[in-house]
Amino acid sequence: MFDVVVVYPVRNTSFGRQVLLGEKLTGLGRGRLVGPGGKVEPGESVTEAAVRELHEEVGLVADETHLIPIATISYPFPTRPHLSQRSHAFLLEAFEGQPAASEELTPQWFPIIEIPFHRMWSDAILWLPHALDQRFQRATITIGDEDDVLSVDWEE
């Protein structure tokens, strides 16, 4: 199981609170909406990876100290074990720059109360709304052959 990171930048607007998601253009999850993120490189901490991936994928600059941990979720893929991963998710309220598209993601702001979960991984609706309210989530979510949720084991 390898480690990945995902960052959910949020902002307050006159229309309400918004979260930055991006359409994934390559690799696992292509076509889905995801938060900016990716694999943790050898020798890199999860916060270093989060800041690096945020900049590489959408051009935003952040300080590690502004990352708010919101979830640690293990994702076993029983029939595709090479995809099994542990995801470290962060909320980010302080950052610099304007989101820009990259080879990996096409970013877009969404009202938090209108997140299009039907365009995301099937597990997102189970934990992301609580995590965006800064209620830390820890779980093991087993993913099936159709990228569906087979089981969820919530940890206290």
C-alpha atoms as a PDB file:
ATOM      1  CA  MET A   1       0.000   0.000   0.000  1.00  0.00           C
ATOM      2  CA  PHE A   2       1.489   3.346  -1.015  1.00  0.00           C
ATOM      3  CA  ASP A   3       0.720   6.816   0.372  1.00  0.00           C
ATOM      4  CA  VAL A   4      -1.061   9.574  -1.517  1.00  0.00           C
ATOM      5  CA  VAL A   5      -2.238  13.054  -0.600  1.00  0.00           C
ATOM      6  CA  VAL A   6      -5.222  15.149  -1.603  1.00  0.00           C
ATOM      7  CA  VAL A   7      -5.826  18.825  -0.864  1.00  0.00           C
ATOM      8  CA  TYR A   8      -9.203  20.567  -0.772  1.00  0.00           C
ATOM      9  CA  PRO A   9      -8.651  24.338  -1.084  1.00  0.00           C
ATOM     10  CA  VAL A  10     -11.676  26.289   0.136  1.00  0.00           C
ATOM     11  CA  ARG A  11     -12.665  29.933  -0.106  1.00  0.00           C
ATOM     12  CA  ASN A  12     -15.495  32.131   1.102  1.00  0.00           C
ATOM     13  CA  THR A  13     -17.358  34.154  -1.503  1.00  0.00           C
ATOM     14  CA  SER A  14     -20.479  36.289  -1.555  1.00  0.00           C
ATOM     15  CA  PHE A  15     -22.207  33.163  -2.921  1.00  0.00           C
ATOM     16  CA  GLY A  16     -21.030  31.001   0.003  1.00  0.00           C
ATOM     17  CA  ARG A  17     -18.187  28.632   0.748  1.00  0.00           C
ATOM     18  CA  GLN A  18     -16.550  26.913  -2.244  1.00  0.00           C
ATOM     19  CA  VAL A  19     -14.136  24.020  -2.707  1.00  0.00           C
ATOM     20  CA  LEU A  20     -11.671  23.563  -5.555  1.00  0.00           C
ATOM     21  CA  LEU A  21     -11.977  20.276  -7.428  1.00  0.00           C
ATOM     22  CA  GLY A  22     -10.514  19.285 -10.741  1.00  0.00           C
ATOM     23  CA  GLU A  23     -11.421  16.906 -13.528  1.00  0.00           C
ATOM     24  CA  LYS A  24      -8.709  14.262 -13.619  1.00  0.00           C
ATOM     25  CA  LEU A  25      -7.204  14.108 -17.096  1.00  0.00           C
ATOM     26  CA  THR A  26      -4.862  11.106 -16.746  1.00  0.00           C
ATOM     27  CA  GLY A  27      -4.404   7.829 -14.894  1.00  0.00           C
ATOM     28  CA  LEU A  28      -6.573   6.242 -12.219  1.00  0.00           C
ATOM     29  CA  GLY A  29      -9.809   8.169 -11.864  1.00  0.00           C
ATOM     30  CA  ARG A  30      -9.598   9.822 -15.272  1.00  0.00           C
ATOM     31  CA  GLY A  31     -12.753  11.845 -15.934  1.00  0.00           C
ATOM     32  CA  ARG A  32     -13.697  12.104 -12.273  1.00  0.00           C
ATOM     33  CA  LEU A  33     -13.658  15.198 -10.090  1.00  0.00           C
ATOM     34  CA  VAL A  34     -10.942  15.022  -7.430  1.00  0.00           C
ATOM     35  CA  GLY A  35      -8.981  17.301  -5.167  1.00  0.00           C
ATOM     36  CA  PRO A  36      -5.439  18.145  -6.276  1.00  0.00           C
ATOM     37  CA  GLY A  37      -3.022  15.484  -5.074  1.00  0.00           C
ATOM     38  CA  GLY A  38      -0.884  12.499  -5.876  1.00  0.00           C
ATOM     39  CA  LYS A  39       1.740  10.068  -4.658  1.00  0.00           C
ATOM     40  CA  VAL A  40       4.115  10.819  -1.803  1.00  0.00           C
ATOM     41  CA  GLU A  41       7.680  10.583  -3.103  1.00  0.00           C
ATOM     42  CA  PRO A  42      10.467   8.749  -1.185  1.00  0.00           C
ATOM     43  CA  GLY A  43      11.852  10.899   1.617  1.00  0.00           C
ATOM     44  CA  GLU A  44       8.939  13.312   1.426  1.00  0.00           C
ATOM     45  CA  SER A  45       6.470  13.964   4.262  1.00  0.00           C
ATOM     46  CA  VAL A  46       2.749  13.935   3.504  1.00  0.00           C
ATOM     47  CA  THR A  47       2.570  17.699   4.036  1.00  0.00           C
ATOM     48  CA  GLU A  48       5.526  18.316   1.715  1.00  0.00           C
ATOM     49  CA  ALA A  49       3.824  16.133  -0.900  1.00  0.00           C
ATOM     50  CA  ALA A  50       0.521  17.973  -0.458  1.00  0.00           C
ATOM     51  CA  VAL A  51       2.117  21.384  -1.040  1.00  0.00           C
ATOM     52  CA  ARG A  52       4.124  20.098  -4.025  1.00  0.00           C
ATOM     53  CA  GLU A  53       1.153  18.359  -5.668  1.00  0.00           C
ATOM     54  CA  LEU A  54      -1.099  21.391  -5.133  1.00  0.00           C
ATOM     55  CA  HIS A  55       1.397  23.574  -6.984  1.00  0.00           C
ATOM     56  CA  GLU A  56       2.103  21.042  -9.747  1.00  0.00           C
ATOM     57  CA  GLU A  57      -1.554  20.268 -10.457  1.00  0.00           C
ATOM     58  CA  VAL A  58      -3.304  23.641 -10.094  1.00  0.00           C
ATOM     59  CA  GLY A  59      -0.569  26.248  -9.587  1.00  0.00           C
ATOM     60  CA  LEU A  60      -1.534  27.264  -6.038  1.00  0.00           C
ATOM     61  CA  VAL A  61       1.172  28.022  -3.475  1.00  0.00           C
ATOM     62  CA  ALA A  62       0.690  27.086   0.178  1.00  0.00           C
ATOM     63  CA  ASP A  63       2.627  26.716   3.386  1.00  0.00           C
ATOM     64  CA  GLU A  64       2.617  23.301   5.068  1.00  0.00           C
ATOM     65  CA  THR A  65       1.554  24.924   8.333  1.00  0.00           C
ATOM     66  CA  HIS A  66      -1.778  25.940   6.778  1.00  0.00           C
ATOM     67  CA  LEU A  67      -2.776  22.370   5.875  1.00  0.00           C
ATOM     68  CA  ILE A  68      -5.582  21.069   8.091  1.00  0.00           C
ATOM     69  CA  PRO A  69      -5.697  17.245   8.277  1.00  0.00           C
ATOM     70  CA  ILE A  70      -9.257  16.082   7.594  1.00  0.00           C
ATOM     71  CA  ALA A  71      -8.926  12.379   6.770  1.00  0.00           C
ATOM     72  CA  THR A  72      -6.708   9.326   6.564  1.00  0.00           C
ATOM     73  CA  ILE A  73      -8.354   6.612   4.515  1.00  0.00           C
ATOM     74  CA  SER A  74      -6.917   3.269   3.469  1.00  0.00           C
ATOM     75  CA  TYR A  75      -8.182   1.980   0.125  1.00  0.00           C
ATOM     76  CA  PRO A  76      -7.579  -1.721  -0.463  1.00  0.00           C
ATOM     77  CA  PHE A  77      -8.339  -2.867  -4.024  1.00  0.00           C
ATOM     78  CA  PRO A  78      -8.599  -6.651  -3.431  1.00  0.00           C
ATOM     79  CA  THR A  79      -8.526  -7.667  -7.105  1.00  0.00           C
ATOM     80  CA  ARG A  80      -6.060  -4.918  -8.074  1.00  0.00           C
ATOM     81  CA  PRO A  81      -3.632  -4.814  -5.126  1.00  0.00           C
ATOM     82  CA  HIS A  82      -1.149  -2.632  -7.043  1.00  0.00           C
ATOM     83  CA  LEU A  83      -3.708   0.203  -6.683  1.00  0.00           C
ATOM     84  CA  SER A  84      -4.132  -0.148  -2.896  1.00  0.00           C
ATOM     85  CA  GLN A  85      -3.287   3.126  -1.201  1.00  0.00           C
ATOM     86  CA  ARG A  86      -3.530   5.191   1.970  1.00  0.00           C
ATOM     87  CA  SER A  87      -4.851   8.700   1.346  1.00  0.00           C
ATOM     88  CA  HIS A  88      -4.028  11.676   3.564  1.00  0.00           C
ATOM     89  CA  ALA A  89      -6.548  14.480   2.962  1.00  0.00           C
ATOM     90  CA  PHE A  90      -6.119  18.125   3.891  1.00  0.00           C
ATOM     91  CA  LEU A  91      -8.297  21.209   3.954  1.00  0.00           C
ATOM     92  CA  LEU A  92      -6.593  24.458   2.925  1.00  0.00           C
ATOM     93  CA  GLU A  93      -8.004  27.916   3.601  1.00  0.00           C
ATOM     94  CA  ALA A  94      -4.842  30.005   3.065  1.00  0.00           C
ATOM     95  CA  PHE A  95      -3.043  29.892  -0.282  1.00  0.00           C
ATOM     96  CA  GLU A  96      -1.676  32.173  -2.984  1.00  0.00           C
ATOM     97  CA  GLY A  97      -2.392  32.307  -6.687  1.00  0.00           C
ATOM     98  CA  GLN A  98      -5.252  31.504  -9.005  1.00  0.00           C
ATOM     99  CA  PRO A  99      -6.037  27.922 -10.021  1.00  0.00           C
ATOM    100  CA  ALA A 100      -4.784  26.986 -13.466  1.00  0.00           C
ATOM    101  CA  ALA A 101      -5.173  23.836 -15.543  1.00  0.00           C
ATOM    102  CA  SER A 102      -2.302  21.378 -15.879  1.00  0.00           C
ATOM    103  CA  GLU A 103      -1.728  18.095 -17.689  1.00  0.00           C
ATOM    104  CA  GLU A 104      -3.271  16.391 -14.640  1.00  0.00           C
ATOM    105  CA  LEU A 105      -6.312  18.489 -13.706  1.00  0.00           C
ATOM    106  CA  THR A 106      -8.759  21.074 -14.975  1.00  0.00           C
ATOM    107  CA  PRO A 107      -9.728  22.949 -11.781  1.00  0.00           C
ATOM    108  CA  GLN A 108     -13.111  24.491 -10.978  1.00  0.00           C
ATOM    109  CA  TRP A 109     -14.660  26.016  -7.864  1.00  0.00           C
ATOM    110  CA  PHE A 110     -17.865  24.379  -6.578  1.00  0.00           C
ATOM    111  CA  PRO A 111     -20.227  25.549  -3.825  1.00  0.00           C
ATOM    112  CA  ILE A 112     -19.714  23.141  -0.930  1.00  0.00           C
ATOM    113  CA  ILE A 113     -23.476  22.671  -0.650  1.00  0.00           C
ATOM    114  CA  GLU A 114     -23.610  21.631  -4.330  1.00  0.00           C
ATOM    115  CA  ILE A 115     -20.627  19.299  -4.738  1.00  0.00           C
ATOM    116  CA  PRO A 116     -21.353  17.005  -7.719  1.00  0.00           C
ATOM    117  CA  PHE A 117     -20.644  13.740  -5.886  1.00  0.00           C
ATOM    118  CA  HIS A 118     -21.987  11.753  -8.858  1.00  0.00           C
ATOM    119  CA  ARG A 119     -18.858  12.867 -10.759  1.00  0.00           C
ATOM    120  CA  MET A 120     -16.448  11.806  -7.979  1.00  0.00           C
ATOM    121  CA  TRP A 121     -15.193   8.461  -6.655  1.00  0.00           C
ATOM    122  CA  SER A 122     -18.125   6.558  -5.137  1.00  0.00           C
ATOM    123  CA  ASP A 123     -16.753   6.835  -1.586  1.00  0.00           C
ATOM    124  CA  ALA A 124     -16.506  10.652  -1.502  1.00  0.00           C
ATOM    125  CA  ILE A 125     -20.102  11.189  -0.458  1.00  0.00           C
ATOM    126  CA  LEU A 126     -19.517   8.955   2.582  1.00  0.00           C
ATOM    127  CA  TRP A 127     -16.774  11.022   4.197  1.00  0.00           C
ATOM    128  CA  LEU A 128     -16.014  14.288   2.374  1.00  0.00           C
ATOM    129  CA  PRO A 129     -18.991  16.359   3.636  1.00  0.00           C
ATOM    130  CA  HIS A 130     -17.982  15.636   7.254  1.00  0.00           C
ATOM    131  CA  ALA A 131     -14.292  16.208   6.545  1.00  0.00           C
ATOM    132  CA  LEU A 132     -14.971  19.592   4.930  1.00  0.00           C
ATOM    133  CA  ASP A 133     -16.667  20.536   8.220  1.00  0.00           C
ATOM    134  CA  GLN A 134     -13.310  19.697   9.850  1.00  0.00           C
ATOM    135  CA  ARG A 135     -14.570  16.503  11.464  1.00  0.00           C
ATOM    136  CA  PHE A 136     -11.558  14.233  11.004  1.00  0.00           C
ATOM    137  CA  GLN A 137     -12.406  10.967   9.245  1.00  0.00           C
ATOM    138  CA  ARG A 138     -10.415   7.730   9.514  1.00  0.00           C
ATOM    139  CA  ALA A 139     -11.550   4.621   7.662  1.00  0.00           C
ATOM    140  CA  THR A 140     -10.723   1.661   5.493  1.00  0.00           C
ATOM    141  CA  ILE A 141     -12.831   1.691   2.338  1.00  0.00           C
ATOM    142  CA  THR A 142     -12.556  -1.388   0.141  1.00  0.00           C
ATOM    143  CA  ILE A 143     -12.941  -0.697  -3.579  1.00  0.00           C
ATOM    144  CA  GLY A 144     -14.321  -3.246  -6.066  1.00  0.00           C
ATOM    145  CA  ASP A 145     -13.724  -4.008  -9.723  1.00  0.00           C
ATOM    146  CA  GLU A 146     -16.160  -1.318 -10.886  1.00  0.00           C
ATOM    147  CA  ASP A 147     -14.539   1.254  -8.534  1.00  0.00           C
ATOM    148  CA  ASP A 148     -17.554   0.769  -6.264  1.00  0.00           C
ATOM    149  CA  VAL A 149     -17.463   0.682  -2.467  1.00  0.00           C
ATOM    150  CA  LEU A 150     -17.491  -2.929  -1.228  1.00  0.00           C
ATOM    151  CA  SER A 151     -17.160  -2.173   2.488  1.00  0.00           C
ATOM    152  CA  VAL A 152     -16.416   0.617   4.938  1.00  0.00           C
ATOM    153  CA  ASP A 153     -14.728   0.208   8.311  1.00  0.00           C
ATOM    154  CA  TRP A 154     -14.854   3.463  10.286  1.00  0.00           C
ATOM    155  CA  GLU A 155     -12.148   3.892  12.918  1.00  0.00           C
ATOM    156  CA  GLU A 156     -12.628   5.902  16.079  1.00  0.00           C
END
